Protein backbone atom coordinates (compact mmCIF):
# COMPACT_ATOMS: atom_id res chain seq x y z
CA MET A 1 3.09 10.95 -15.26
CA ASN A 2 3.67 9.54 -11.77
CA PRO A 3 0.34 8.52 -10.18
CA MET A 4 -0.24 8.71 -6.44
CA VAL A 5 -1.06 5.38 -4.76
CA VAL A 6 -3.24 5.75 -1.65
CA ILE A 7 -3.74 2.99 0.93
CA TYR A 8 -7.17 2.26 2.48
CA PHE A 9 -8.54 -0.35 4.90
CA LYS A 10 -11.99 -1.86 4.44
CA LYS A 11 -13.95 -1.36 7.68
CA GLY A 12 -17.35 -3.05 7.52
CA ASN A 13 -19.39 -1.29 4.83
CA HIS A 14 -16.99 1.61 4.31
CA PHE A 15 -13.36 2.41 3.58
CA GLU A 16 -10.92 4.17 5.89
CA GLN A 17 -7.83 5.95 4.61
CA THR A 18 -4.64 4.92 6.41
CA GLY A 19 -2.97 8.28 5.84
CA GLU A 20 -0.28 6.53 3.85
CA SER A 21 0.46 7.08 0.21
CA PHE A 22 3.33 6.77 -2.22
CA TYR A 23 4.13 7.49 -5.84
CA LEU A 24 4.09 4.60 -8.29
CA SER A 25 7.77 5.30 -9.01
CA GLU A 26 8.56 4.19 -5.43
CA THR A 27 7.66 0.62 -6.41
CA GLY A 28 9.74 0.75 -9.57
CA GLY A 29 6.64 1.65 -11.58
CA VAL A 30 5.04 -1.69 -10.72
CA LEU A 31 1.47 -1.49 -9.47
CA PRO A 32 0.72 -4.01 -6.70
CA ALA A 33 -2.02 -6.42 -7.79
CA ILE A 34 -4.72 -8.12 -5.74
CA GLY A 35 -3.02 -10.72 -3.57
CA ASP A 36 0.33 -8.88 -3.50
CA LEU A 37 1.90 -8.26 -0.10
CA LEU A 38 3.30 -4.87 0.91
CA ILE A 39 5.76 -4.74 3.79
CA ASP A 40 5.57 -1.57 5.86
CA PRO A 41 9.15 -0.22 5.74
CA GLY A 42 9.03 1.12 9.30
CA VAL A 43 9.30 -0.56 12.68
CA THR A 44 8.71 0.73 16.21
CA VAL A 45 11.82 2.36 17.70
CA GLY A 46 13.92 -0.26 19.47
CA GLN A 47 12.38 -3.18 17.58
CA SER A 48 14.36 -5.49 15.28
CA ARG A 49 13.62 -5.15 11.57
CA THR A 50 14.16 -8.92 11.21
CA ASN A 51 11.69 -9.87 13.96
CA PRO A 52 8.48 -10.91 12.17
CA LYS A 53 6.32 -9.72 15.10
CA SER A 54 7.62 -6.16 14.66
CA ARG A 55 6.77 -6.02 10.93
CA ILE A 56 3.42 -5.17 9.36
CA VAL A 57 2.37 -6.91 6.15
CA ARG A 58 -0.55 -5.63 4.06
CA GLU A 59 -2.33 -7.77 1.51
CA VAL A 60 -3.97 -5.98 -1.42
CA ILE A 61 -7.63 -7.05 -1.58
CA SER A 62 -8.92 -4.59 -4.21
CA ARG A 63 -7.77 -1.72 -6.45
CA TYR A 64 -9.52 1.41 -7.70
CA PHE A 65 -8.34 3.78 -10.43
CA ILE A 66 -9.25 7.47 -10.64
CA PRO A 67 -8.16 8.99 -13.98
CA GLY A 68 -6.33 12.29 -13.96
CA SER A 69 -8.84 14.19 -16.05
CA ASP A 70 -12.55 14.44 -16.66
CA GLN A 71 -13.25 15.40 -20.26
CA ARG A 72 -16.90 16.17 -19.45
CA THR A 73 -15.93 18.99 -17.09
CA SER A 74 -12.38 19.76 -18.28
CA THR A 75 -11.17 19.01 -14.74
CA GLN A 76 -7.47 18.19 -14.45
CA HIS A 77 -5.93 16.50 -11.40
CA PRO A 78 -3.24 13.89 -10.84
CA PRO A 79 -4.38 10.31 -11.38
CA HIS A 80 -4.86 8.28 -8.21
CA ILE A 81 -4.74 4.57 -7.55
CA ILE A 82 -6.39 3.31 -4.38
CA LEU A 83 -5.23 0.03 -2.87
CA VAL A 84 -7.53 -1.53 -0.29
CA VAL A 85 -5.56 -3.75 2.09
CA LYS A 86 -5.93 -6.01 5.08
CA GLU A 87 -3.16 -5.94 7.65
CA ARG A 88 -1.34 -8.59 9.69
CA THR A 89 1.94 -9.02 11.52
CA GLY A 90 4.78 -10.87 9.89
CA ASN A 91 5.15 -14.65 10.00
CA PRO A 92 8.31 -16.46 11.13
CA ASP A 93 8.69 -18.01 7.65
CA GLU A 94 9.07 -14.49 6.19
CA VAL A 95 12.15 -13.60 8.27
CA ASP A 96 14.49 -13.88 5.26
CA ILE A 97 12.35 -11.36 3.34
CA PHE A 98 12.33 -8.90 6.27
CA SER A 99 16.13 -9.00 6.48
CA LEU A 100 16.25 -7.41 2.99
CA GLY A 101 14.59 -4.19 4.12
């Protein structure tokens, strides 16, 4: 089974979905843990991928798991993992990491 990972931001007392998601297989089957940093693979058109100011880094601050079935109601759906993140721009000391992607 290949769970869907959905990204949320914490906004005050509620959560806001970013509209971004990926399958766990896209991270080699490794689930990002609290404290892990996710680098947004995209950059604005015309921006350098190695320029830290054009890269977005998201730090995982919490994780939620929604199982794929509910035995009480016989409901079946794909399992979901929700990562709550905070976002920042890249730092100059991360330039070598950004050059990899």
